[in-house]
Amino acid sequence: MEYEEKEVLKENVLNFFKSAEIIYTTRDYNSAITLYFKSIFASFDFVILNKLGKTPKDHTERFNILKSNFPEYYTILDKLFSTYRGTYNKKTNKEDCDYVRGTIRKIIEEQKIH
Protein backbone atom coordinates (compact mmCIF):
# COMPACT_ATOMS: atom_id res chain seq x y z
CA MET A 1 0.00 0.00 0.00
CA GLU A 2 2.78 2.46 0.91
CA TYR A 3 4.50 1.79 -2.42
CA GLU A 4 1.29 2.64 -4.29
CA GLU A 5 0.83 5.81 -2.27
CA LYS A 6 4.40 6.88 -3.06
CA GLU A 7 3.81 6.29 -6.75
CA VAL A 8 0.58 8.30 -6.66
CA LEU A 9 2.33 11.16 -4.89
CA LYS A 10 5.18 11.12 -7.41
CA GLU A 11 2.67 11.11 -10.26
CA ASN A 12 0.80 14.01 -8.66
CA VAL A 13 3.99 16.02 -8.22
CA LEU A 14 4.85 15.60 -11.88
CA ASN A 15 1.32 16.12 -13.20
CA PHE A 16 0.77 19.30 -11.18
CA PHE A 17 4.16 20.54 -12.33
CA LYS A 18 3.49 19.69 -15.98
CA SER A 19 0.09 21.40 -15.87
CA ALA A 20 1.65 24.45 -14.19
CA GLU A 21 4.26 24.63 -16.94
CA ILE A 22 1.56 24.65 -19.62
CA ILE A 23 -0.41 27.38 -17.87
CA TYR A 24 2.77 29.35 -17.18
CA THR A 25 3.27 29.76 -20.92
CA THR A 26 -0.08 31.57 -21.14
CA ARG A 27 1.11 34.11 -18.52
CA ASP A 28 -1.68 33.09 -16.12
CA TYR A 29 0.69 33.26 -13.17
CA ASN A 30 -2.01 32.91 -10.50
CA SER A 31 -3.17 29.57 -11.86
CA ALA A 32 0.37 28.40 -12.57
CA ILE A 33 1.63 29.25 -9.09
CA THR A 34 -1.33 27.42 -7.52
CA LEU A 35 -0.36 24.28 -9.42
CA TYR A 36 3.32 24.73 -8.57
CA PHE A 37 2.28 24.87 -4.92
CA LYS A 38 0.20 21.71 -5.28
CA SER A 39 3.33 20.10 -6.67
CA ILE A 40 5.34 21.37 -3.69
CA PHE A 41 2.78 20.06 -1.20
CA ALA A 42 2.70 16.66 -2.90
CA SER A 43 6.51 16.53 -3.01
CA PHE A 44 6.75 17.25 0.72
CA ASP A 45 4.10 14.60 1.38
CA PHE A 46 6.26 12.22 -0.66
CA VAL A 47 9.28 13.08 1.50
CA ILE A 48 7.27 12.59 4.68
CA LEU A 49 5.82 9.27 3.51
CA ASN A 50 9.23 8.07 2.36
CA LYS A 51 10.91 8.84 5.70
CA LEU A 52 8.09 8.49 8.25
CA GLY A 53 5.65 6.08 6.58
CA LYS A 54 2.65 8.43 6.78
CA THR A 55 1.20 11.47 5.06
CA PRO A 56 -0.20 14.62 6.66
CA LYS A 57 -3.94 15.18 6.63
CA ASP A 58 -3.78 18.94 6.09
CA HIS A 59 -1.50 21.96 5.84
CA THR A 60 -1.20 22.35 9.61
CA GLU A 61 -0.02 18.78 10.09
CA ARG A 62 2.34 19.12 7.12
CA PHE A 63 3.90 22.23 8.67
CA ASN A 64 4.28 20.53 12.06
CA ILE A 65 5.87 17.41 10.59
CA LEU A 66 8.23 19.44 8.42
CA LYS A 67 9.20 21.69 11.34
CA SER A 68 10.01 18.71 13.56
CA ASN A 69 11.61 16.37 11.04
CA PHE A 70 12.65 18.33 7.94
CA PRO A 71 13.55 21.86 9.06
CA GLU A 72 15.12 22.77 5.71
CA TYR A 73 11.82 22.07 3.94
CA TYR A 74 9.84 23.74 6.71
CA THR A 75 11.85 26.93 6.15
CA ILE A 76 11.12 26.82 2.43
CA LEU A 77 7.40 26.27 2.92
CA ASP A 78 7.12 28.82 5.72
CA LYS A 79 8.74 31.44 3.49
CA LEU A 80 6.49 30.66 0.51
CA PHE A 81 3.14 30.00 2.19
CA SER A 82 2.06 33.64 2.34
CA THR A 83 2.60 33.82 -1.42
CA TYR A 84 0.31 30.82 -1.84
CA ARG A 85 -2.37 32.35 0.37
CA GLY A 86 -2.07 35.60 -1.55
CA THR A 87 -3.20 33.90 -4.75
CA TYR A 88 -6.77 33.96 -3.45
CA ASN A 89 -7.11 37.74 -3.51
CA LYS A 90 -4.09 39.15 -5.35
CA LYS A 91 -2.62 38.92 -8.79
CA THR A 92 0.63 36.95 -8.81
CA ASN A 93 3.53 38.54 -10.63
CA LYS A 94 5.95 36.67 -12.87
CA GLU A 95 8.87 37.06 -10.43
CA ASP A 96 7.02 35.35 -7.57
CA CYS A 97 5.84 32.63 -9.91
CA ASP A 98 9.38 32.11 -11.22
CA TYR A 99 10.70 31.79 -7.67
CA VAL A 100 8.13 29.13 -6.75
CA ARG A 101 8.72 27.42 -10.09
CA GLY A 102 12.46 27.24 -9.40
CA THR A 103 11.82 25.95 -5.89
CA ILE A 104 9.74 22.98 -7.04
CA ARG A 105 12.23 22.19 -9.78
CA LYS A 106 14.96 21.92 -7.12
CA ILE A 107 12.81 19.73 -4.88
CA ILE A 108 11.93 17.40 -7.77
CA GLU A 109 15.62 17.08 -8.59
CA GLU A 110 16.74 16.61 -4.96
CA GLN A 111 14.12 13.94 -4.31
CA LYS A 112 14.68 12.27 -7.69
CA ILE A 113 10.98 12.40 -8.51
CA HIS A 114 10.88 11.27 -12.13
C-alpha atoms as a PDB file:
ATOM      1  CA  MET A   1       0.000   0.000   0.000  1.00  0.00           C
ATOM      2  CA  GLU A   2       2.777   2.460   0.914  1.00  0.00           C
ATOM      3  CA  TYR A   3       4.502   1.793  -2.421  1.00  0.00           C
ATOM      4  CA  GLU A   4       1.293   2.636  -4.292  1.00  0.00           C
ATOM      5  CA  GLU A   5       0.833   5.809  -2.266  1.00  0.00           C
ATOM      6  CA  LYS A   6       4.403   6.880  -3.059  1.00  0.00           C
ATOM      7  CA  GLU A   7       3.805   6.288  -6.748  1.00  0.00           C
ATOM      8  CA  VAL A   8       0.575   8.296  -6.657  1.00  0.00           C
ATOM      9  CA  LEU A   9       2.333  11.164  -4.895  1.00  0.00           C
ATOM     10  CA  LYS A  10       5.185  11.119  -7.412  1.00  0.00           C
ATOM     11  CA  GLU A  11       2.674  11.112 -10.261  1.00  0.00           C
ATOM     12  CA  ASN A  12       0.795  14.010  -8.658  1.00  0.00           C
ATOM     13  CA  VAL A  13       3.992  16.020  -8.224  1.00  0.00           C
ATOM     14  CA  LEU A  14       4.848  15.596 -11.882  1.00  0.00           C
ATOM     15  CA  ASN A  15       1.320  16.116 -13.204  1.00  0.00           C
ATOM     16  CA  PHE A  16       0.767  19.296 -11.182  1.00  0.00           C
ATOM     17  CA  PHE A  17       4.164  20.543 -12.332  1.00  0.00           C
ATOM     18  CA  LYS A  18       3.492  19.690 -15.983  1.00  0.00           C
ATOM     19  CA  SER A  19       0.095  21.404 -15.867  1.00  0.00           C
ATOM     20  CA  ALA A  20       1.647  24.451 -14.194  1.00  0.00           C
ATOM     21  CA  GLU A  21       4.264  24.629 -16.945  1.00  0.00           C
ATOM     22  CA  ILE A  22       1.559  24.645 -19.622  1.00  0.00           C
ATOM     23  CA  ILE A  23      -0.410  27.380 -17.867  1.00  0.00           C
ATOM     24  CA  TYR A  24       2.768  29.349 -17.184  1.00  0.00           C
ATOM     25  CA  THR A  25       3.272  29.762 -20.925  1.00  0.00           C
ATOM     26  CA  THR A  26      -0.084  31.574 -21.142  1.00  0.00           C
ATOM     27  CA  ARG A  27       1.109  34.108 -18.522  1.00  0.00           C
ATOM     28  CA  ASP A  28      -1.676  33.088 -16.121  1.00  0.00           C
ATOM     29  CA  TYR A  29       0.693  33.258 -13.168  1.00  0.00           C
ATOM     30  CA  ASN A  30      -2.013  32.905 -10.503  1.00  0.00           C
ATOM     31  CA  SER A  31      -3.174  29.566 -11.858  1.00  0.00           C
ATOM     32  CA  ALA A  32       0.367  28.399 -12.571  1.00  0.00           C
ATOM     33  CA  ILE A  33       1.625  29.246  -9.090  1.00  0.00           C
ATOM     34  CA  THR A  34      -1.328  27.421  -7.524  1.00  0.00           C
ATOM     35  CA  LEU A  35      -0.363  24.278  -9.421  1.00  0.00           C
ATOM     36  CA  TYR A  36       3.321  24.734  -8.570  1.00  0.00           C
ATOM     37  CA  PHE A  37       2.283  24.866  -4.920  1.00  0.00           C
ATOM     38  CA  LYS A  38       0.197  21.709  -5.284  1.00  0.00           C
ATOM     39  CA  SER A  39       3.330  20.101  -6.671  1.00  0.00           C
ATOM     40  CA  ILE A  40       5.345  21.373  -3.692  1.00  0.00           C
ATOM     41  CA  PHE A  41       2.783  20.061  -1.201  1.00  0.00           C
ATOM     42  CA  ALA A  42       2.704  16.655  -2.897  1.00  0.00           C
ATOM     43  CA  SER A  43       6.510  16.534  -3.006  1.00  0.00           C
ATOM     44  CA  PHE A  44       6.750  17.251   0.721  1.00  0.00           C
ATOM     45  CA  ASP A  45       4.102  14.604   1.376  1.00  0.00           C
ATOM     46  CA  PHE A  46       6.256  12.218  -0.656  1.00  0.00           C
ATOM     47  CA  VAL A  47       9.278  13.080   1.496  1.00  0.00           C
ATOM     48  CA  ILE A  48       7.270  12.593   4.682  1.00  0.00           C
ATOM     49  CA  LEU A  49       5.819   9.274   3.508  1.00  0.00           C
ATOM     50  CA  ASN A  50       9.228   8.071   2.361  1.00  0.00           C
ATOM     51  CA  LYS A  51      10.912   8.842   5.696  1.00  0.00           C
ATOM     52  CA  LEU A  52       8.093   8.486   8.245  1.00  0.00           C
ATOM     53  CA  GLY A  53       5.653   6.083   6.584  1.00  0.00           C
ATOM     54  CA  LYS A  54       2.651   8.427   6.781  1.00  0.00           C
ATOM     55  CA  THR A  55       1.203  11.473   5.056  1.00  0.00           C
ATOM     56  CA  PRO A  56      -0.197  14.616   6.663  1.00  0.00           C
ATOM     57  CA  LYS A  57      -3.943  15.177   6.635  1.00  0.00           C
ATOM     58  CA  ASP A  58      -3.785  18.940   6.094  1.00  0.00           C
ATOM     59  CA  HIS A  59      -1.499  21.964   5.841  1.00  0.00           C
ATOM     60  CA  THR A  60      -1.199  22.347   9.614  1.00  0.00           C
ATOM     61  CA  GLU A  61      -0.024  18.781  10.095  1.00  0.00           C
ATOM     62  CA  ARG A  62       2.337  19.120   7.120  1.00  0.00           C
ATOM     63  CA  PHE A  63       3.899  22.231   8.669  1.00  0.00           C
ATOM     64  CA  ASN A  64       4.279  20.531  12.060  1.00  0.00           C
ATOM     65  CA  ILE A  65       5.875  17.408  10.592  1.00  0.00           C
ATOM     66  CA  LEU A  66       8.232  19.441   8.424  1.00  0.00           C
ATOM     67  CA  LYS A  67       9.196  21.687  11.335  1.00  0.00           C
ATOM     68  CA  SER A  68      10.015  18.705  13.557  1.00  0.00           C
ATOM     69  CA  ASN A  69      11.613  16.368  11.036  1.00  0.00           C
ATOM     70  CA  PHE A  70      12.646  18.329   7.935  1.00  0.00           C
ATOM     71  CA  PRO A  71      13.552  21.862   9.058  1.00  0.00           C
ATOM     72  CA  GLU A  72      15.124  22.770   5.715  1.00  0.00           C
ATOM     73  CA  TYR A  73      11.822  22.070   3.942  1.00  0.00           C
ATOM     74  CA  TYR A  74       9.836  23.738   6.705  1.00  0.00           C
ATOM     75  CA  THR A  75      11.849  26.926   6.154  1.00  0.00           C
ATOM     76  CA  ILE A  76      11.119  26.819   2.433  1.00  0.00           C
ATOM     77  CA  LEU A  77       7.397  26.265   2.923  1.00  0.00           C
ATOM     78  CA  ASP A  78       7.122  28.817   5.715  1.00  0.00           C
ATOM     79  CA  LYS A  79       8.737  31.441   3.492  1.00  0.00           C
ATOM     80  CA  LEU A  80       6.489  30.664   0.512  1.00  0.00           C
ATOM     81  CA  PHE A  81       3.143  29.999   2.188  1.00  0.00           C
ATOM     82  CA  SER A  82       2.063  33.643   2.337  1.00  0.00           C
ATOM     83  CA  THR A  83       2.605  33.823  -1.425  1.00  0.00           C
ATOM     84  CA  TYR A  84       0.308  30.825  -1.839  1.00  0.00           C
ATOM     85  CA  ARG A  85      -2.368  32.353   0.374  1.00  0.00           C
ATOM     86  CA  GLY A  86      -2.074  35.600  -1.555  1.00  0.00           C
ATOM     87  CA  THR A  87      -3.202  33.899  -4.748  1.00  0.00           C
ATOM     88  CA  TYR A  88      -6.770  33.961  -3.452  1.00  0.00           C
ATOM     89  CA  ASN A  89      -7.108  37.741  -3.512  1.00  0.00           C
ATOM     90  CA  LYS A  90      -4.088  39.153  -5.350  1.00  0.00           C
ATOM     91  CA  LYS A  91      -2.617  38.920  -8.789  1.00  0.00           C
ATOM     92  CA  THR A  92       0.628  36.952  -8.813  1.00  0.00           C
ATOM     93  CA  ASN A  93       3.530  38.540 -10.626  1.00  0.00           C
ATOM     94  CA  LYS A  94       5.951  36.668 -12.868  1.00  0.00           C
ATOM     95  CA  GLU A  95       8.866  37.065 -10.431  1.00  0.00           C
ATOM     96  CA  ASP A  96       7.017  35.348  -7.573  1.00  0.00           C
ATOM     97  CA  CYS A  97       5.840  32.628  -9.913  1.00  0.00           C
ATOM     98  CA  ASP A  98       9.378  32.107 -11.215  1.00  0.00           C
ATOM     99  CA  TYR A  99      10.704  31.785  -7.667  1.00  0.00           C
ATOM    100  CA  VAL A 100       8.127  29.130  -6.749  1.00  0.00           C
ATOM    101  CA  ARG A 101       8.723  27.416 -10.095  1.00  0.00           C
ATOM    102  CA  GLY A 102      12.457  27.242  -9.399  1.00  0.00           C
ATOM    103  CA  THR A 103      11.825  25.946  -5.892  1.00  0.00           C
ATOM    104  CA  ILE A 104       9.736  22.983  -7.037  1.00  0.00           C
ATOM    105  CA  ARG A 105      12.233  22.195  -9.777  1.00  0.00           C
ATOM    106  CA  LYS A 106      14.961  21.923  -7.124  1.00  0.00           C
ATOM    107  CA  ILE A 107      12.807  19.729  -4.881  1.00  0.00           C
ATOM    108  CA  ILE A 108      11.928  17.400  -7.767  1.00  0.00           C
ATOM    109  CA  GLU A 109      15.621  17.079  -8.589  1.00  0.00           C
ATOM    110  CA  GLU A 110      16.739  16.614  -4.959  1.00  0.00           C
ATOM    111  CA  GLN A 111      14.121  13.937  -4.307  1.00  0.00           C
ATOM    112  CA  LYS A 112      14.677  12.267  -7.692  1.00  0.00           C
ATOM    113  CA  ILE A 113      10.975  12.399  -8.508  1.00  0.00           C
ATOM    114  CA  HIS A 114      10.883  11.266 -12.127  1.00  0.00           C
END
